[in-house]
Protein backbone atom coordinates (compact mmCIF):
# COMPACT_ATOMS: atom_id res chain seq x y z
CA MET A 1 -166.98 104.13 -66.39
CA ASN A 2 -167.03 107.02 -63.84
CA LYS A 3 -169.76 109.58 -63.30
CA ALA A 4 -168.29 112.08 -65.75
CA ASN A 5 -168.06 109.48 -68.46
CA LYS A 6 -171.70 108.57 -67.90
CA GLU A 7 -172.69 111.92 -69.31
CA LYS A 8 -170.67 111.64 -72.47
CA ASP A 9 -172.45 111.64 -75.77
CA PHE A 10 -173.93 108.30 -76.78
CA SER A 11 -172.03 108.46 -80.07
CA GLU A 12 -168.76 108.40 -78.10
CA TRP A 13 -170.06 105.49 -76.09
CA ILE A 14 -170.91 103.61 -79.28
CA SER A 15 -167.44 104.21 -80.69
CA TYR A 16 -165.86 102.99 -77.46
CA ILE A 17 -168.01 99.86 -77.43
CA GLN A 18 -167.31 99.01 -81.06
CA ILE A 19 -163.54 99.33 -80.58
CA GLU A 20 -163.62 97.12 -77.50
CA LEU A 21 -165.84 94.51 -79.18
CA ARG A 22 -163.21 93.90 -81.87
CA ASN A 23 -160.88 92.59 -79.17
CA LYS A 24 -163.38 90.00 -78.01
CA LYS A 25 -163.62 86.72 -79.88
CA LEU A 26 -166.67 84.98 -78.43
CA ILE A 27 -170.25 86.18 -78.86
CA SER A 28 -170.88 85.51 -75.17
CA GLU A 29 -167.96 87.80 -74.24
CA LYS A 30 -169.32 90.54 -76.49
CA MET A 31 -172.83 90.32 -75.02
CA ASP A 32 -171.51 90.31 -71.45
CA PHE A 33 -169.36 93.36 -72.20
CA ILE A 34 -172.28 95.28 -73.71
CA LEU A 35 -174.43 94.45 -70.68
CA ASP A 36 -171.76 95.47 -68.17
CA GLU A 37 -171.26 98.83 -69.87
CA SER A 38 -175.01 99.39 -70.07
CA LEU A 39 -175.44 98.76 -66.36
CA LYS A 40 -172.63 101.22 -65.54
CA LEU A 41 -174.23 103.84 -67.78
CA PHE A 42 -177.52 103.67 -65.84
CA ASP A 43 -176.08 103.00 -62.38
CA ALA A 44 -177.87 99.60 -62.30
CA THR A 45 -176.89 96.67 -60.12
CA THR A 46 -178.14 93.74 -62.22
CA GLY A 47 -179.74 93.17 -65.60
CA SER A 48 -179.98 91.10 -68.75
CA ILE A 49 -180.16 91.21 -72.52
CA SER A 50 -182.79 89.06 -74.23
CA LEU A 51 -182.97 88.55 -77.98
CA THR A 52 -185.97 87.56 -80.08
CA ASP A 53 -186.05 84.29 -81.94
CA PRO A 54 -187.37 85.38 -85.37
CA ASP A 55 -189.15 82.04 -85.84
CA GLN A 56 -191.39 82.61 -82.84
CA GLN A 57 -192.35 85.35 -80.39
CA LEU A 58 -189.95 84.23 -77.67
CA LEU A 59 -187.20 86.13 -75.89
CA THR A 60 -184.09 84.24 -74.82
CA ILE A 61 -181.58 85.63 -72.33
CA VAL A 62 -178.13 85.80 -73.93
CA ALA A 63 -176.39 87.83 -71.21
CA SER A 64 -177.18 88.40 -67.56
CA LYS A 65 -175.66 89.69 -64.35
CA GLY A 66 -176.81 88.56 -60.93
CA MET A 67 -178.99 85.72 -62.23
CA ASP A 68 -178.77 82.11 -61.13
CA GLY A 69 -177.48 79.83 -63.90
CA GLU A 70 -180.53 77.56 -63.80
CA LYS A 71 -182.84 80.55 -64.15
CA LYS A 72 -180.83 81.88 -67.08
CA LEU A 73 -181.15 78.53 -68.87
CA ALA A 74 -184.88 78.39 -68.16
CA ALA A 75 -185.71 82.00 -68.96
CA LYS A 76 -187.55 82.17 -72.27
CA PHE A 77 -190.23 84.85 -72.24
CA PRO A 78 -193.14 84.80 -74.65
CA PHE A 79 -194.24 88.28 -75.69
CA ASN A 80 -196.65 89.79 -73.12
CA VAL A 81 -195.30 87.69 -70.21
CA GLY A 82 -193.77 89.81 -67.44
CA ILE A 83 -192.55 93.35 -67.99
CA THR A 84 -189.92 91.99 -70.41
CA GLY A 85 -192.53 90.38 -72.62
CA MET A 86 -194.81 93.40 -72.32
CA ALA A 87 -192.05 95.76 -73.45
CA ALA A 88 -191.36 93.47 -76.41
CA ALA A 89 -195.03 93.26 -77.41
CA GLN A 90 -195.88 96.95 -76.91
CA LYS A 91 -192.51 98.21 -78.28
CA GLU A 92 -192.39 100.70 -75.43
CA ILE A 93 -190.26 101.03 -72.31
CA VAL A 94 -191.95 99.48 -69.29
CA TYR A 95 -190.91 100.80 -65.88
CA CYS A 96 -191.63 98.91 -62.69
CA PRO A 97 -190.67 101.19 -59.76
CA ASP A 98 -191.52 98.56 -57.14
CA VAL A 99 -191.46 94.97 -58.37
CA THR A 100 -192.84 93.67 -55.05
CA VAL A 101 -196.30 95.10 -55.80
CA ASP A 102 -196.44 94.59 -59.56
CA PRO A 103 -198.61 91.53 -60.38
CA ILE A 104 -197.13 90.99 -63.85
CA TYR A 105 -193.50 91.03 -62.73
CA VAL A 106 -191.62 87.71 -63.02
CA LYS A 107 -188.99 87.67 -60.29
CA LEU A 108 -185.75 86.02 -61.39
CA ILE A 109 -183.31 87.87 -59.10
CA ASP A 110 -184.17 88.24 -55.41
CA SER A 111 -182.36 91.53 -54.89
CA VAL A 112 -184.24 93.46 -57.59
CA GLN A 113 -186.54 96.22 -56.34
CA SER A 114 -187.08 98.31 -59.49
CA GLU A 115 -186.58 97.57 -63.18
CA LEU A 116 -186.61 99.12 -66.63
CA ALA A 117 -187.44 96.91 -69.63
CA ILE A 118 -186.17 98.67 -72.76
CA PRO A 119 -187.23 97.20 -76.14
CA LEU A 120 -184.70 97.17 -78.96
CA ILE A 121 -186.55 98.01 -82.16
CA ALA A 122 -185.36 97.63 -85.75
CA GLN A 123 -187.58 98.31 -88.77
CA GLY A 124 -190.65 98.28 -86.56
CA GLU A 125 -189.89 94.87 -85.02
CA THR A 126 -188.61 93.99 -81.55
CA ILE A 127 -185.23 92.29 -81.87
CA GLY A 128 -184.66 92.11 -78.13
CA VAL A 129 -185.06 93.70 -74.70
CA LEU A 130 -182.49 95.23 -72.36
CA ASN A 131 -183.43 94.91 -68.68
CA ILE A 132 -181.65 97.18 -66.21
CA GLU A 133 -182.39 96.65 -62.55
CA SER A 134 -181.69 98.22 -59.18
CA ASP A 135 -181.75 96.95 -55.63
CA LYS A 136 -183.54 100.19 -54.67
CA LYS A 137 -187.20 101.07 -55.23
CA ASN A 138 -188.02 104.02 -57.53
CA HIS A 139 -184.38 104.07 -58.64
CA PHE A 140 -184.92 105.20 -62.24
CA ASP A 141 -186.33 108.69 -62.76
CA GLN A 142 -187.87 110.27 -65.86
CA ILE A 143 -184.47 111.54 -67.03
CA ALA A 144 -183.13 107.96 -67.01
CA ILE A 145 -186.20 106.74 -68.90
CA ASN A 146 -185.81 109.45 -71.54
CA ARG A 147 -182.11 108.61 -71.92
CA ALA A 148 -183.01 104.92 -72.20
CA ARG A 149 -185.13 105.63 -75.30
CA VAL A 150 -182.16 107.23 -77.08
CA PHE A 151 -179.79 104.60 -75.75
CA ALA A 152 -181.93 101.75 -77.07
CA ASN A 153 -181.60 103.03 -80.62
CA GLN A 154 -177.82 103.18 -80.31
CA LEU A 155 -177.59 99.71 -78.76
CA THR A 156 -179.81 98.24 -81.50
CA PHE A 157 -177.47 99.77 -84.08
CA VAL A 158 -174.45 98.07 -82.44
CA LEU A 159 -176.18 94.67 -82.28
CA LEU A 160 -177.16 94.80 -85.94
CA GLU A 161 -174.06 96.49 -87.33
CA GLU A 162 -171.74 93.99 -85.66
CA ARG A 163 -174.08 91.04 -86.48
CA ILE A 164 -174.00 90.19 -82.80
CA ALA A 165 -177.76 89.68 -82.42
CA LYS A 166 -178.04 87.24 -85.33
CA ASP A 167 -175.00 85.23 -84.23
CA ALA A 168 -176.17 85.12 -80.61
CA VAL A 169 -179.59 83.76 -81.60
CA SER A 170 -177.98 81.13 -83.86
CA ILE A 171 -175.59 79.99 -81.14
CA ASN A 172 -178.42 79.85 -78.64
CA LYS A 173 -180.41 77.56 -80.95
CA GLU A 174 -177.43 75.27 -81.48
CA SER A 175 -176.89 74.95 -77.73
CA ALA A 176 -180.57 74.59 -76.82
CA ASP A 177 -181.21 73.36 -73.31
CA PRO A 178 -182.54 69.75 -73.38
CA LEU A 179 -184.69 70.66 -70.37
CA GLU A 180 -186.35 73.68 -71.98
CA SER A 181 -189.56 71.68 -72.43
CA VAL A 182 -189.92 71.67 -68.62
CA ILE A 183 -191.37 75.17 -68.46
CA GLY A 184 -191.40 77.39 -65.42
CA TYR A 185 -189.52 79.81 -63.15
CA ASP A 186 -191.05 78.64 -59.89
CA ALA A 187 -188.42 77.66 -57.32
CA GLN A 188 -189.73 74.08 -57.22
CA ILE A 189 -189.40 73.70 -61.00
CA LEU A 190 -185.91 75.22 -61.06
CA PHE A 191 -184.87 72.86 -58.25
CA LEU A 192 -186.36 69.94 -60.19
CA LYS A 193 -184.39 70.86 -63.33
CA SER A 194 -181.19 71.22 -61.31
CA ARG A 195 -181.78 67.82 -59.73
CA ILE A 196 -182.38 66.26 -63.16
CA ARG A 197 -179.04 67.62 -64.39
CA ASN A 198 -177.28 66.24 -61.31
CA ILE A 199 -178.66 62.71 -61.59
CA ALA A 200 -178.76 62.43 -65.39
CA SER A 201 -175.29 60.94 -65.73
CA THR A 202 -175.90 58.30 -63.06
CA GLU A 203 -177.54 54.92 -63.58
CA THR A 204 -179.88 55.26 -60.61
CA SER A 205 -183.56 54.44 -60.96
CA VAL A 206 -185.91 57.42 -60.59
CA LEU A 207 -189.48 57.50 -59.28
CA ILE A 208 -191.44 60.57 -60.41
CA LEU A 209 -194.25 61.46 -58.02
CA GLY A 210 -197.03 63.81 -59.01
CA GLU A 211 -200.73 64.29 -59.50
CA GLU A 212 -202.40 63.50 -62.81
CA GLY A 213 -201.52 66.07 -65.44
CA THR A 214 -198.35 67.44 -63.82
CA GLY A 215 -196.07 66.21 -66.64
CA LYS A 216 -194.41 63.02 -65.40
CA HIS A 217 -193.84 61.70 -68.94
CA LEU A 218 -192.25 65.01 -69.98
CA VAL A 219 -189.86 64.95 -67.03
CA ALA A 220 -188.93 61.32 -67.73
CA LEU A 221 -188.18 62.14 -71.37
CA SER A 222 -186.12 65.18 -70.36
CA LEU A 223 -184.14 63.06 -67.93
CA HIS A 224 -183.41 60.60 -70.75
CA LYS A 225 -182.35 63.42 -73.11
CA VAL A 226 -179.66 64.71 -70.75
CA SER A 227 -178.40 61.23 -69.81
CA SER A 228 -175.61 59.21 -71.42
CA ARG A 229 -178.35 56.99 -72.91
CA ARG A 230 -179.87 59.78 -75.01
CA GLU A 231 -178.76 58.18 -78.31
CA HIS A 232 -180.62 54.98 -77.40
CA PRO A 233 -184.38 54.28 -77.19
CA PHE A 234 -186.78 55.93 -74.79
CA VAL A 235 -189.71 53.54 -74.38
CA THR A 236 -192.93 54.06 -72.41
CA VAL A 237 -195.37 51.61 -70.85
CA ASP A 238 -198.64 52.81 -69.29
CA CYS A 239 -199.28 50.24 -66.56
CA SER A 240 -202.91 51.34 -66.21
CA ALA A 241 -203.85 51.01 -69.88
CA LEU A 242 -204.07 47.24 -70.38
CA SER A 243 -205.35 44.08 -68.75
CA SER A 244 -202.84 41.99 -66.79
CA ASP A 245 -202.30 39.48 -69.62
CA LEU A 246 -201.77 42.12 -72.29
CA LEU A 247 -199.58 44.17 -69.98
CA GLU A 248 -197.35 41.15 -69.33
CA VAL A 249 -196.74 40.73 -73.06
CA GLU A 250 -196.31 44.50 -73.47
CA ILE A 251 -193.54 44.62 -70.86
CA PHE A 252 -191.86 41.22 -71.03
CA GLY A 253 -192.76 40.04 -74.53
CA ALA A 254 -193.56 36.42 -75.37
CA GLY A 255 -191.69 33.55 -76.99
CA GLU A 256 -193.01 30.92 -79.37
CA VAL A 257 -196.39 32.50 -80.03
CA GLY A 258 -198.75 30.77 -82.50
CA THR A 259 -198.01 28.03 -84.99
CA GLU A 260 -195.06 29.95 -86.42
CA ASN A 261 -193.38 30.13 -82.99
CA ARG A 262 -193.08 33.89 -83.35
CA VAL A 263 -191.19 35.81 -80.69
CA ILE A 264 -192.80 39.05 -79.52
CA LYS A 265 -190.35 41.58 -78.14
CA GLY A 266 -191.53 43.39 -75.01
CA LYS A 267 -190.77 46.94 -74.03
CA LEU A 268 -187.91 45.79 -71.79
CA GLU A 269 -186.04 44.44 -74.83
CA LYS A 270 -187.00 47.38 -77.02
CA ALA A 271 -185.57 49.77 -74.43
CA ASN A 272 -182.30 47.85 -74.08
CA HIS A 273 -179.31 50.22 -73.71
CA GLY A 274 -181.83 53.05 -73.31
CA THR A 275 -184.51 54.10 -70.85
CA LEU A 276 -187.82 52.46 -69.96
CA PHE A 277 -190.49 54.71 -68.43
CA LEU A 278 -193.10 52.75 -66.45
CA ASP A 279 -195.99 55.20 -66.10
CA SER A 280 -198.69 54.56 -63.46
CA ILE A 281 -196.40 51.96 -61.86
CA GLY A 282 -198.79 51.72 -58.90
CA ASP A 283 -201.33 50.02 -61.19
CA LEU A 284 -198.96 47.17 -62.09
CA PRO A 285 -200.57 43.87 -60.95
CA LYS A 286 -198.83 42.07 -58.07
CA ASP A 287 -197.76 39.05 -60.10
CA LEU A 288 -196.11 41.33 -62.67
CA GLN A 289 -194.46 43.29 -59.87
CA LYS A 290 -192.73 40.10 -58.75
CA ARG A 291 -191.67 39.22 -62.28
CA LEU A 292 -190.32 42.72 -62.89
CA LEU A 293 -188.37 42.56 -59.62
CA THR A 294 -186.81 39.25 -60.68
CA VAL A 295 -185.78 40.70 -64.06
CA LEU A 296 -184.22 43.76 -62.43
CA LYS A 297 -182.35 41.67 -59.87
CA ASN A 298 -180.93 39.26 -62.45
CA GLY A 299 -180.38 41.83 -65.20
CA LYS A 300 -181.74 39.44 -67.79
CA LEU A 301 -185.04 38.51 -69.43
CA VAL A 302 -185.73 34.77 -69.76
CA HIS A 303 -187.99 33.15 -72.37
CA GLY A 304 -187.90 29.37 -72.13
CA ASN A 305 -184.33 28.29 -72.78
CA THR A 306 -183.20 31.66 -74.10
CA PHE A 307 -182.35 34.86 -72.28
CA THR A 308 -181.47 38.47 -73.08
CA ASN A 309 -179.02 40.47 -70.99
CA LEU A 310 -180.52 43.86 -70.18
CA ASN A 311 -178.66 47.14 -69.88
CA ILE A 312 -181.47 49.49 -69.08
CA ARG A 313 -182.39 52.45 -66.90
CA ILE A 314 -185.80 52.39 -65.27
CA ILE A 315 -187.81 55.56 -64.62
CA SER A 316 -191.23 55.16 -63.03
CA GLY A 317 -194.13 57.52 -62.50
CA THR A 318 -197.12 57.42 -60.20
CA SER A 319 -199.90 59.58 -58.82
CA ARG A 320 -200.62 57.01 -56.11
CA ASP A 321 -199.36 56.89 -52.54
CA LEU A 322 -197.11 53.84 -52.94
CA ILE A 323 -196.16 53.82 -49.24
CA ASN A 324 -199.84 53.42 -48.42
CA ASP A 325 -200.11 50.69 -51.06
CA ILE A 326 -197.13 48.91 -49.49
CA GLU A 327 -198.81 49.03 -46.08
CA LYS A 328 -201.91 47.48 -47.66
CA GLU A 329 -199.67 44.87 -49.34
CA ALA A 330 -200.80 46.13 -52.74
CA PHE A 331 -197.27 47.05 -53.83
CA ASN A 332 -194.04 45.10 -53.44
CA LEU A 333 -191.65 46.71 -50.96
CA ASP A 334 -188.51 45.33 -52.60
CA LEU A 335 -189.64 46.57 -56.00
CA TYR A 336 -190.32 50.00 -54.52
CA TYR A 337 -186.73 50.29 -53.29
CA ARG A 338 -185.46 49.13 -56.68
CA LEU A 339 -187.50 51.79 -58.49
CA ALA A 340 -187.21 54.69 -56.05
CA GLU A 341 -183.47 55.10 -55.59
CA ILE A 342 -184.06 58.78 -56.32
CA PRO A 343 -187.58 60.23 -55.96
CA LEU A 344 -188.58 63.38 -57.86
CA ARG A 345 -191.71 65.27 -56.88
CA LEU A 346 -193.62 67.32 -59.44
CA PRO A 347 -195.57 70.15 -57.79
CA PRO A 348 -199.23 70.58 -58.77
CA LEU A 349 -200.02 73.72 -60.75
CA ARG A 350 -201.80 75.32 -57.78
CA GLU A 351 -198.43 75.35 -55.95
CA ARG A 352 -196.72 77.25 -58.79
CA ARG A 353 -199.31 79.85 -59.77
CA GLY A 354 -196.61 82.26 -60.90
CA ASP A 355 -195.93 79.93 -63.84
CA ILE A 356 -199.55 79.97 -65.08
CA PRO A 357 -199.18 83.09 -67.33
CA LEU A 358 -195.98 81.66 -68.79
CA LEU A 359 -197.56 78.26 -69.50
CA ALA A 360 -200.72 79.82 -70.93
CA HIS A 361 -198.69 81.87 -73.41
CA TYR A 362 -196.55 78.86 -74.36
CA PHE A 363 -199.67 76.83 -75.14
CA LEU A 364 -201.11 79.83 -76.99
CA LEU A 365 -198.02 79.91 -79.23
CA GLU A 366 -198.13 76.14 -79.69
CA PHE A 367 -201.75 75.95 -80.81
CA ASN A 368 -201.56 79.15 -82.87
CA ARG A 369 -198.88 77.33 -84.90
CA VAL A 370 -200.85 74.07 -85.05
CA TYR A 371 -204.09 75.68 -86.23
CA GLY A 372 -202.64 78.55 -88.25
CA LYS A 373 -204.06 81.20 -85.90
CA SER A 374 -202.65 84.40 -84.44
CA LYS A 375 -204.84 84.80 -81.37
CA THR A 376 -203.84 86.72 -78.26
CA ILE A 377 -205.06 86.44 -74.69
CA SER A 378 -206.28 89.33 -72.55
CA HIS A 379 -204.77 90.29 -69.20
CA GLU A 380 -208.17 89.70 -67.61
CA ALA A 381 -208.16 86.13 -68.93
CA ILE A 382 -204.68 85.55 -67.51
CA LYS A 383 -205.88 86.81 -64.11
CA VAL A 384 -208.78 84.35 -64.19
CA LEU A 385 -206.46 81.48 -65.07
CA SER A 386 -204.05 82.47 -62.28
CA ASN A 387 -206.83 82.35 -59.69
CA TYR A 388 -208.17 78.92 -60.64
CA SER A 389 -207.22 75.81 -58.63
CA TRP A 390 -206.40 73.54 -61.65
CA PRO A 391 -207.30 70.08 -60.33
CA GLY A 392 -206.20 68.68 -63.71
CA ASN A 393 -202.88 70.58 -63.51
CA VAL A 394 -200.80 71.51 -66.59
CA ARG A 395 -202.66 69.05 -68.84
CA GLN A 396 -205.95 70.78 -68.01
CA LEU A 397 -204.49 74.23 -68.74
CA ARG A 398 -203.11 72.97 -72.06
CA ASN A 399 -206.49 71.48 -72.99
CA LEU A 400 -208.26 74.70 -72.09
CA MET A 401 -205.94 76.81 -74.26
CA GLN A 402 -206.41 74.41 -77.17
CA TYR A 403 -210.18 74.53 -76.74
CA SER A 404 -210.24 78.33 -76.46
CA ILE A 405 -208.25 78.77 -79.67
CA ILE A 406 -210.38 76.30 -81.64
CA VAL A 407 -213.88 77.49 -80.65
CA ASN A 408 -213.27 81.23 -80.19
CA SER A 409 -214.03 83.19 -83.36
CA GLN A 410 -212.59 86.43 -81.95
CA PRO A 411 -208.90 87.41 -82.28
CA GLU A 412 -208.50 87.68 -78.50
CA ILE A 413 -209.23 85.09 -75.81
CA THR A 414 -211.16 86.64 -72.92
CA PRO A 415 -212.74 85.23 -69.74
CA ASN A 416 -216.00 84.85 -71.70
CA ASN A 417 -214.35 81.94 -73.53
CA PHE A 418 -213.91 79.96 -70.30
CA GLN A 419 -216.34 77.58 -68.62
CA ALA A 420 -218.12 78.30 -65.35
CA GLU A 421 -215.71 76.37 -63.15
CA ILE A 422 -212.71 78.30 -64.54
CA LEU A 423 -214.45 81.58 -63.77
CA GLY A 424 -214.84 80.53 -60.15
CA LYS A 425 -218.58 79.87 -60.29
CA SER A 426 -217.94 76.16 -59.89
CA GLU A 427 -214.92 73.95 -59.34
CA SER A 428 -216.75 70.66 -59.78
CA SER A 429 -214.99 69.52 -62.94
CA ASN A 430 -211.56 69.62 -64.49
CA PHE A 431 -212.89 68.72 -67.91
CA PRO A 432 -212.39 71.73 -70.22
CA PHE A 433 -215.12 70.86 -72.74
CA ARG A 434 -218.07 71.01 -70.39
CA GLU A 435 -220.19 73.35 -72.48
CA ASN A 436 -220.16 70.78 -75.30
CA LEU A 437 -221.67 68.04 -73.16
CA VAL A 438 -225.33 67.19 -73.67
CA LEU A 439 -225.96 65.79 -70.21
CA GLU A 440 -226.64 67.51 -66.91
CA PRO A 441 -225.80 65.91 -63.56
CA ALA A 442 -228.51 63.57 -62.28
CA THR A 443 -230.31 64.87 -59.21
CA ALA A 444 -231.42 61.38 -58.18
CA PRO A 445 -230.78 57.85 -59.47
CA ASN A 446 -234.36 57.30 -60.63
CA GLN A 447 -234.26 60.52 -62.66
CA GLN A 448 -231.16 59.61 -64.63
CA LEU A 449 -232.79 58.11 -67.70
CA THR A 450 -235.58 60.65 -67.93
CA ASN A 451 -233.59 63.78 -67.14
CA ASN A 452 -230.07 63.16 -68.37
CA LEU A 453 -229.82 60.66 -71.20
CA ASN A 454 -230.31 61.68 -74.78
CA LEU A 455 -232.99 59.13 -75.64
CA ASP A 456 -232.70 59.85 -79.38
CA MET A 457 -229.16 58.56 -79.17
CA LEU A 458 -230.45 55.26 -77.81
CA SER A 459 -233.19 54.87 -80.41
CA PRO A 460 -232.53 52.17 -83.07
CA THR A 461 -231.32 53.37 -86.47
CA ASP A 462 -230.99 51.62 -89.81
CA ASN A 463 -227.77 50.11 -88.52
CA LEU A 464 -228.71 47.66 -85.73
CA SER A 465 -225.12 46.82 -84.85
CA LEU A 466 -224.89 46.00 -81.15
CA LYS A 467 -221.31 47.34 -81.20
CA ILE A 468 -222.56 50.77 -82.24
CA ALA A 469 -225.38 50.65 -79.68
CA THR A 470 -222.89 49.75 -76.96
CA GLU A 471 -220.54 52.58 -77.98
CA ARG A 472 -223.43 55.04 -77.85
CA LEU A 473 -224.40 53.97 -74.36
CA GLU A 474 -220.78 54.00 -73.17
CA ALA A 475 -220.33 57.51 -74.56
CA MET A 476 -223.34 58.76 -72.60
CA TRP A 477 -222.18 57.17 -69.35
CA ILE A 478 -218.63 58.52 -69.81
CA ARG A 479 -220.01 62.03 -70.37
CA GLU A 480 -222.10 61.71 -67.22
CA ALA A 481 -219.07 60.50 -65.23
CA PHE A 482 -217.06 63.56 -66.24
CA LEU A 483 -219.86 65.82 -65.09
CA ARG A 484 -219.75 64.26 -61.64
CA ALA A 485 -215.99 63.73 -61.24
CA ASN A 486 -213.01 66.03 -60.79
CA THR A 487 -210.41 63.83 -62.47
CA GLN A 488 -210.09 60.94 -64.90
CA GLU A 489 -209.26 58.67 -61.98
CA GLU A 490 -212.50 59.60 -60.20
CA ALA A 491 -214.49 59.19 -63.43
CA SER A 492 -213.03 55.73 -64.01
CA LYS A 493 -213.97 54.69 -60.45
CA LEU A 494 -217.55 55.85 -61.01
CA LEU A 495 -217.64 53.76 -64.19
CA GLY A 496 -216.06 50.75 -62.50
CA ILE A 497 -213.11 50.53 -64.92
CA SER A 498 -209.42 51.39 -64.80
CA ARG A 499 -208.17 54.81 -65.87
CA GLY A 500 -206.31 53.16 -68.74
CA ALA A 501 -209.50 51.48 -69.93
CA LEU A 502 -211.29 54.82 -69.78
CA GLN A 503 -208.57 56.48 -71.84
CA TYR A 504 -208.80 53.67 -74.40
CA LYS A 505 -212.58 54.11 -74.73
CA ILE A 506 -212.22 57.89 -75.11
CA ARG A 507 -209.66 57.45 -77.88
CA ASN A 508 -211.60 54.79 -79.77
CA ASN A 509 -215.30 55.64 -79.25
CA GLN A 510 -216.64 57.37 -82.36
CA PHE A 511 -219.29 59.17 -80.29
CA LEU A 512 -216.65 60.90 -78.13
CA VAL A 513 -215.01 62.96 -80.87
CA ASP A 514 -215.08 66.15 -78.77
CA PHE A 515 -213.31 64.30 -75.94
CA ASN A 516 -210.57 63.14 -78.31
CA SER A 517 -209.70 66.73 -79.25
CA GLY A 518 -208.91 67.39 -75.60
CA ASN A 519 -205.79 65.23 -75.43
CA LEU A 520 -207.10 63.42 -72.37
């Protein structure tokens, strides 16, 4: 479309578009054509069209120019995230004349310098957003913005009249990306997703490395979902959660148990033809490391005189430095090479701060649905979250959003709903329920009982059960450990138990109800 044609009446443009659309069979072709013509009309270099999923406040890109394929697959904007989400939420055009200095801008295309986000409104609701972008700063003037308002109405008419918007959303749902649960636009996350797609069809073992709370289980499950084994079981074992004897039965099973000679199937058999995820593999005892290595070498599981041939893919996860453990002879070198044919590193949240607003809004949507709420979060609160160090990573952020939605009686989440460490006054704890805890940190060992313990809790009641008394005392010590520690692993070391044992006590101790709601 040349310069003269740019000035033609929008009604002529609409007629031209509608005629051309009839010659295009696929919805994707129609959306790409509409985008190309829109970019020509506004002398833009790149851009995208996002449509709203009516079931949730999410925008999905259905057409784009200049965007990397992995980013296009990943790009789902909650309302209020980035200038796209802001335009959708406010139902007003948002202009960013210089994206390099705009803190809310989510950069998906490196060449973009200025951008217009134009909401498409029908019957008072946002059905989508057209983004038009330039590789020059301050490219769009007030005349272009005024024209964009009129243009948006015409484009909305085309999308609805031709049923393109509805069909595009339906097709997008049917072809949902199996990796969409791995949320983020950070370069490290996009690289991770690309790597997962590349290795999914292979039978190589994968070792997922990452701090506590970074989402190792989620990545393992996503890897299984895009593999050829996706129709078969995905089975998980937490190697830190059980004693050595119980863990052996959990993984390998047991034959001829009890007087009835029952056979107990282990997770290896249950995962046959599928995927077994060995979480916290660094906590696997040495004798079980050797047995696992033997099973993997032979490809079969032996119980007495019987054996089971195994066809299984192993994915492992750890937050430990296994190389250091190997040097200390705490981890088997041969097993390491069996499990780590391909290593995947999950970045901590502090290395991908640009994803924090996106994640916060995703968790907001999730827990609004769970608890039947419709809360929003202020821009000031998002700024606070973006500046925090997140020692507990994505899990901590998720817990905080859940907590804020449950306890906040106001319709909007503000920084006042966050604990002191989130606000930057203290970074001594990653536990997001600190204000609910009764105890204060002990200033000296001999002051602990007098200053910190709730003595009423230790006083005998009508029920003199020693089990209840023990649970009460354990609850108080666990609370104290979380006040002194930064992570679950540190808390478990203070208590002298494994992290798995700590998680078990949190889940099953009736006096730690508030801990249970935190999804620790």
